[in-house]
Amino acid sequence: MKVTVVGAGAVGASCAEYIAIKNFVSEVVLLDIKENFAEGKAMDLMQTSSLNGFDTKITGSTNEYSKTANSDIAVITSGIPRKPGMTREELIGINAGIVKTVSSQLIEHSPNVILIIVSNPMDTMTYLTHKMTGIPKNRIIGMGGALDSARFKYRLAEALECPISDIDGMVIGGHSDKGMIPLTRLATRNSVRVSEFINSERLDQVLNDTKVGGATLTSMLGTSAWYAPGAAVSALVHAISCDQKKIFPCSVYLDGEYGLNDICIGVPVVLGKNGIEKIVEIDLSENEKAALIESATAVNTTNKLLADLN
């Protein structure tokens, strides 16, 4: 099993590290446009292999896509963050161009590759990849929901003062502080609903803290987080590589599911060797349905900016 990670920055490198340490693939190719940057990251990571006990081969490449040939899975982390004074349209224009170029190069060298999109705005970049590449929708996956759900579980465990391993919870909707929908109603601690342990006010605080999880870290670190995003990607890659049939919320193309059409947004899916094996439709409350529609409206508004670029 061969995995390519495009973008050797903090998220891409941590993703490559987690995949390698778990020791379930034979090779990880780390690719970047910056001269010798990916090669240096790969060498540094390989020098941890005897210490961390893994045999995964990590190879670095400066924009040489031939080294990614025959990848089973490719992760696209490349793109730029929004800078001060930059409009949303400018950000989307730049990142859309990057994602188009990267995905076309990956597919040229690996026609059967499964793509995992991390670049922001993630739901829109996932949608762009779907529209631009034309590959089956089961092979295009946006990572956001897996990360948002991990942050939700962290906040729940914090509130309940319990181990995170006790907690099960999920976030659906758009990958943004306004768009994501932590499903507090369905969250459990060892099959017992969390509402049995904390009151509604504390649960609302968990919801709000989850929604600003990324922004909170950015304000503390001065840049975007990388450990949890890298771990979220590695969990998706693991589920696909090992045909685990695990359920993760991911941004996927909907064609009538949840009453939504022609959009990529976060919903629960079963992940296996074919990528998205099944979209899981769960019964939502009226409030949750309304929130999902509102989230989808916001994602569609961003998607329309893609048309303005053409």
Protein backbone atom coordinates (compact mmCIF):
# COMPACT_ATOMS: atom_id res chain seq x y z
CA MET A 1 0.00 0.00 0.00
CA LYS A 2 1.41 3.38 -1.08
CA VAL A 3 0.24 6.75 0.20
CA THR A 4 1.19 10.20 -1.10
CA VAL A 5 0.93 13.36 1.00
CA VAL A 6 1.09 16.59 -1.01
CA GLY A 7 2.33 19.48 1.10
CA ALA A 8 5.20 18.91 3.53
CA GLY A 9 4.21 21.67 5.94
CA ALA A 10 3.21 21.02 9.53
CA VAL A 11 -0.06 19.22 8.72
CA GLY A 12 1.38 17.15 5.86
CA ALA A 13 4.48 16.15 7.82
CA SER A 14 2.51 15.19 10.93
CA CYS A 15 0.14 13.18 8.73
CA ALA A 16 3.08 11.33 7.17
CA GLU A 17 4.57 10.72 10.62
CA TYR A 18 1.37 9.25 12.08
CA ILE A 19 0.82 7.01 9.05
CA ALA A 20 4.41 5.75 9.20
CA ILE A 21 4.38 5.12 12.96
CA LYS A 22 1.20 3.03 12.68
CA ASN A 23 3.15 0.80 10.27
CA PHE A 24 0.23 -0.24 8.04
CA VAL A 25 1.52 0.94 4.63
CA SER A 26 4.74 0.12 2.79
CA GLU A 27 5.56 3.62 1.55
CA VAL A 28 4.66 7.26 2.16
CA VAL A 29 5.69 9.83 -0.45
CA LEU A 30 5.90 13.40 0.85
CA LEU A 31 5.82 16.02 -1.93
CA ASP A 32 6.26 19.79 -1.84
CA ILE A 33 7.09 22.60 -4.26
CA LYS A 34 9.82 24.02 -2.02
CA GLU A 35 13.25 22.74 -3.05
CA ASN A 36 14.49 19.88 -0.82
CA PHE A 37 11.87 20.65 1.85
CA ALA A 38 9.99 17.35 1.50
CA GLU A 39 13.26 15.44 1.15
CA GLY A 40 14.49 16.96 4.40
CA LYS A 41 11.26 16.20 6.26
CA ALA A 42 11.31 12.62 4.93
CA MET A 43 14.93 12.09 5.98
CA ASP A 44 14.26 13.49 9.45
CA LEU A 45 11.24 11.21 9.86
CA MET A 46 13.13 8.15 8.58
CA GLN A 47 15.78 8.78 11.21
CA THR A 48 13.09 8.19 13.86
CA SER A 49 12.15 4.77 12.47
CA SER A 50 14.53 2.73 14.64
CA LEU A 51 13.46 4.73 17.68
CA ASN A 52 9.73 4.49 17.01
CA GLY A 53 9.78 0.94 15.67
CA PHE A 54 8.35 1.30 12.18
CA ASP A 55 9.48 0.01 8.78
CA THR A 56 7.40 2.28 6.55
CA LYS A 57 9.56 3.88 3.85
CA ILE A 58 9.18 7.68 3.68
CA THR A 59 10.34 9.34 0.47
CA GLY A 60 10.55 13.07 -0.21
CA SER A 61 10.11 14.75 -3.58
CA THR A 62 10.31 18.31 -4.86
CA ASN A 63 7.30 18.52 -7.17
CA GLU A 64 8.22 15.31 -9.01
CA TYR A 65 4.87 13.59 -9.36
CA SER A 66 6.36 10.56 -11.10
CA LYS A 67 7.48 9.46 -7.62
CA THR A 68 3.82 9.32 -6.58
CA ALA A 69 2.95 6.80 -9.33
CA ASN A 70 0.61 3.99 -8.37
CA SER A 71 -0.41 5.56 -5.07
CA ASP A 72 -3.49 3.94 -3.54
CA ILE A 73 -4.37 7.03 -1.48
CA ALA A 74 -3.27 10.65 -1.84
CA VAL A 75 -3.75 13.43 0.70
CA ILE A 76 -3.90 17.04 -0.52
CA THR A 77 -2.86 19.47 2.21
CA SER A 78 -1.37 22.09 -0.12
CA GLY A 79 -2.71 25.62 -0.22
CA ILE A 80 -2.26 28.87 1.65
CA PRO A 81 -3.99 30.21 4.77
CA ARG A 82 -5.96 33.41 4.54
CA LYS A 83 -3.62 36.35 5.13
CA PRO A 84 -4.45 39.77 6.59
CA GLY A 85 -6.16 41.93 3.97
CA MET A 86 -6.87 38.97 1.68
CA THR A 87 -10.45 38.60 0.50
CA ARG A 88 -12.24 35.28 0.63
CA GLU A 89 -12.42 35.33 -3.17
CA GLU A 90 -8.64 35.75 -3.41
CA LEU A 91 -8.03 32.84 -1.04
CA ILE A 92 -10.39 30.56 -2.94
CA GLY A 93 -8.91 31.61 -6.26
CA ILE A 94 -5.37 30.73 -5.19
CA ASN A 95 -6.24 27.47 -3.44
CA ALA A 96 -8.58 26.35 -6.21
CA GLY A 97 -5.74 26.71 -8.70
CA ILE A 98 -3.42 24.70 -6.45
CA VAL A 99 -5.95 21.91 -5.83
CA LYS A 100 -6.76 21.66 -9.56
CA THR A 101 -3.11 21.28 -10.49
CA VAL A 102 -2.29 18.84 -7.70
CA SER A 103 -5.31 16.57 -8.20
CA SER A 104 -4.83 16.36 -11.98
CA GLN A 105 -1.15 15.45 -11.54
CA LEU A 106 -1.97 12.80 -8.95
CA ILE A 107 -4.64 11.19 -11.12
CA GLU A 108 -2.33 11.25 -14.16
CA HIS A 109 0.20 9.10 -12.31
CA SER A 110 -2.29 7.10 -10.20
CA PRO A 111 -5.58 6.72 -12.11
CA ASN A 112 -7.25 4.67 -9.35
CA VAL A 113 -6.16 6.85 -6.44
CA ILE A 114 -8.49 7.78 -3.57
CA LEU A 115 -8.16 11.48 -2.76
CA ILE A 116 -8.43 12.97 0.74
CA ILE A 117 -8.82 16.75 0.71
CA VAL A 118 -7.51 18.88 3.58
CA SER A 119 -7.00 22.23 1.79
CA ASN A 120 -9.34 25.06 2.82
CA PRO A 121 -12.09 26.01 2.39
CA MET A 122 -12.32 22.24 2.61
CA ASP A 123 -15.93 21.55 1.58
CA THR A 124 -15.55 23.80 -1.46
CA MET A 125 -12.17 22.30 -2.41
CA THR A 126 -13.71 18.81 -2.13
CA TYR A 127 -16.58 19.93 -4.37
CA LEU A 128 -14.11 21.44 -6.85
CA THR A 129 -12.15 18.18 -6.96
CA HIS A 130 -15.34 16.26 -7.66
CA LYS A 131 -16.38 18.59 -10.48
CA MET A 132 -12.94 18.96 -12.02
CA THR A 133 -11.65 15.37 -11.95
CA GLY A 134 -14.81 13.44 -12.78
CA ILE A 135 -13.63 10.40 -10.79
CA PRO A 136 -16.27 8.42 -8.85
CA LYS A 137 -17.55 10.19 -5.76
CA ASN A 138 -16.55 7.34 -3.47
CA ARG A 139 -12.90 8.24 -4.18
CA ILE A 140 -13.07 11.90 -3.08
CA ILE A 141 -13.18 12.55 0.66
CA GLY A 142 -12.99 15.78 2.65
CA MET A 143 -11.29 15.33 6.01
CA GLY A 144 -13.00 18.02 8.14
CA GLY A 145 -15.65 16.05 10.03
CA ALA A 146 -13.11 13.60 11.43
CA LEU A 147 -11.09 16.47 12.91
CA ASP A 148 -14.14 18.35 14.20
CA SER A 149 -15.45 15.18 15.85
CA ALA A 150 -12.10 14.59 17.59
CA ARG A 151 -12.27 18.12 18.99
CA PHE A 152 -15.87 17.51 20.06
CA LYS A 153 -14.87 14.35 21.95
CA TYR A 154 -12.04 16.23 23.65
CA ARG A 155 -14.43 18.92 24.87
CA LEU A 156 -16.98 16.34 26.02
CA ALA A 157 -14.36 14.38 27.98
CA GLU A 158 -13.17 17.65 29.53
CA ALA A 159 -16.71 18.51 30.62
CA LEU A 160 -17.46 15.03 31.97
CA GLU A 161 -14.01 14.67 33.55
CA CYS A 162 -13.65 11.23 32.01
CA PRO A 163 -11.27 9.43 29.63
CA ILE A 164 -11.75 10.35 25.97
CA SER A 165 -11.93 6.61 25.22
CA ASP A 166 -15.27 6.60 27.06
CA ILE A 167 -16.73 9.19 24.69
CA ASP A 168 -18.50 8.77 21.37
CA GLY A 169 -19.73 11.77 19.42
CA MET A 170 -19.96 13.19 15.95
CA VAL A 171 -19.93 16.53 14.14
CA ILE A 172 -21.68 16.96 10.79
CA GLY A 173 -22.17 19.92 8.45
CA GLY A 174 -19.69 22.35 6.96
CA HIS A 175 -16.09 22.53 8.15
CA SER A 176 -16.32 26.04 9.59
CA ASP A 177 -17.00 27.61 12.96
CA LYS A 178 -20.50 28.63 11.88
CA GLY A 179 -21.28 25.59 9.72
CA MET A 180 -20.36 22.63 11.90
CA ILE A 181 -23.07 20.85 13.88
CA PRO A 182 -21.89 18.92 16.96
CA LEU A 183 -24.61 16.33 17.60
CA THR A 184 -24.83 16.80 21.37
CA ARG A 185 -28.19 14.98 21.46
CA LEU A 186 -26.58 11.74 20.28
CA ALA A 187 -23.23 11.95 22.10
CA THR A 188 -22.63 9.19 24.66
CA ARG A 189 -20.32 8.01 27.40
CA ASN A 190 -20.16 4.23 27.15
CA SER A 191 -23.65 4.14 25.57
CA VAL A 192 -25.13 6.53 28.17
CA ARG A 193 -26.15 9.90 26.75
CA VAL A 194 -23.87 12.68 27.97
CA SER A 195 -26.93 14.69 29.01
CA GLU A 196 -27.18 12.26 31.94
CA PHE A 197 -23.86 13.59 33.28
CA ILE A 198 -23.89 17.34 32.55
CA ASN A 199 -26.62 19.96 32.34
CA SER A 200 -27.80 21.70 29.19
CA GLU A 201 -25.80 24.87 29.88
CA ARG A 202 -22.52 22.93 30.11
CA LEU A 203 -23.44 20.96 27.00
CA ASP A 204 -24.10 24.20 25.12
CA GLN A 205 -20.66 25.39 26.17
CA VAL A 206 -19.15 22.17 24.78
CA LEU A 207 -20.98 22.79 21.51
CA ASN A 208 -19.73 26.37 21.23
CA ASP A 209 -16.17 25.48 22.25
CA THR A 210 -16.13 22.76 19.60
CA LYS A 211 -17.30 25.12 16.88
CA VAL A 212 -14.45 27.55 17.51
CA GLY A 213 -11.90 24.80 18.11
CA GLY A 214 -9.72 25.71 15.15
CA ALA A 215 -9.92 29.45 15.77
CA THR A 216 -9.05 28.95 19.45
CA LEU A 217 -5.85 27.13 18.54
CA THR A 218 -4.93 29.68 15.87
CA SER A 219 -5.22 32.49 18.42
CA MET A 220 -2.99 30.55 20.83
CA LEU A 221 -0.41 29.28 18.35
CA GLY A 222 -0.37 32.15 15.88
CA THR A 223 -0.95 29.65 13.09
CA SER A 224 -3.22 26.73 12.26
CA ALA A 225 -3.01 23.54 14.32
CA TRP A 226 -1.25 20.50 12.88
CA TYR A 227 -1.17 17.57 15.32
CA ALA A 228 -4.90 16.81 15.39
CA PRO A 229 -5.43 17.53 11.66
CA GLY A 230 -2.56 15.16 10.82
CA ALA A 231 -3.94 12.50 13.14
CA ALA A 232 -7.43 12.87 11.64
CA VAL A 233 -6.07 12.28 8.14
CA SER A 234 -4.03 9.29 9.29
CA ALA A 235 -7.16 7.73 10.84
CA LEU A 236 -8.99 8.02 7.50
CA VAL A 237 -6.03 6.58 5.60
CA HIS A 238 -5.82 3.71 8.11
CA ALA A 239 -9.53 2.91 7.75
CA ILE A 240 -9.27 2.80 3.96
CA SER A 241 -5.94 0.97 3.75
CA CYS A 242 -6.99 -1.76 6.17
CA ASP A 243 -10.60 -1.96 4.93
CA GLN A 244 -11.81 -1.31 8.47
CA LYS A 245 -15.39 -0.29 7.57
CA LYS A 246 -15.25 2.38 10.27
CA ILE A 247 -17.74 5.26 10.40
CA PHE A 248 -16.32 8.78 10.18
CA PRO A 249 -18.08 12.03 9.34
CA CYS A 250 -16.46 13.29 6.13
CA SER A 251 -17.23 15.87 3.47
CA VAL A 252 -18.68 13.87 0.59
CA TYR A 253 -20.72 14.58 -2.53
CA LEU A 254 -24.46 14.26 -1.84
CA ASP A 255 -27.00 13.32 -4.46
CA GLY A 256 -30.28 13.39 -2.54
CA GLU A 257 -28.99 12.11 0.81
CA TYR A 258 -30.20 14.26 3.71
CA GLY A 259 -32.35 16.09 1.16
CA LEU A 260 -29.27 17.79 -0.30
CA ASN A 261 -27.99 17.75 -3.87
CA ASP A 262 -24.85 18.80 -5.73
CA ILE A 263 -22.86 19.67 -2.62
CA CYS A 264 -19.96 18.31 -0.56
CA ILE A 265 -20.63 18.55 3.16
CA GLY A 266 -19.89 16.55 6.30
CA VAL A 267 -22.06 13.48 6.96
CA PRO A 268 -21.27 10.05 8.45
CA VAL A 269 -19.83 7.50 6.03
CA VAL A 270 -18.42 3.98 6.17
CA LEU A 271 -14.78 3.94 5.01
CA GLY A 272 -13.17 0.86 3.50
CA LYS A 273 -10.91 -0.28 0.68
CA ASN A 274 -13.08 1.48 -1.93
CA GLY A 275 -13.03 4.77 -0.09
CA ILE A 276 -16.61 5.74 0.76
CA GLU A 277 -18.41 2.41 1.05
CA LYS A 278 -21.71 3.90 2.22
CA ILE A 279 -23.27 7.21 3.22
CA VAL A 280 -25.05 6.67 6.54
CA GLU A 281 -28.32 8.58 6.89
CA ILE A 282 -29.23 9.10 10.53
CA ASP A 283 -32.49 10.49 11.87
CA LEU A 284 -31.97 14.13 12.74
CA SER A 285 -34.18 16.29 14.94
CA GLU A 286 -35.96 19.23 13.36
CA ASN A 287 -33.40 21.62 14.84
CA GLU A 288 -30.53 19.52 13.49
CA LYS A 289 -32.14 19.35 10.06
CA ALA A 290 -32.56 23.12 10.02
CA ALA A 291 -28.95 23.60 11.09
CA LEU A 292 -27.74 21.28 8.31
CA ILE A 293 -29.76 23.19 5.71
CA GLU A 294 -28.34 26.47 6.99
CA SER A 295 -24.83 25.03 6.87
CA ALA A 296 -25.39 23.77 3.33
CA THR A 297 -26.60 27.20 2.24
CA ALA A 298 -23.34 28.73 3.48
CA VAL A 299 -21.26 26.07 1.69
CA ASN A 300 -23.20 26.68 -1.55
CA THR A 301 -22.55 30.40 -1.25
CA THR A 302 -18.82 29.70 -1.11
CA ASN A 303 -19.10 27.19 -3.96
CA LYS A 304 -20.63 29.87 -6.18
CA LEU A 305 -17.36 31.80 -5.91
CA LEU A 306 -15.79 29.01 -7.97
CA ALA A 307 -18.05 29.88 -10.89
CA ASP A 308 -16.94 33.50 -10.66
CA LEU A 309 -13.34 32.36 -11.15
CA ASN A 310 -14.07 30.75 -14.52
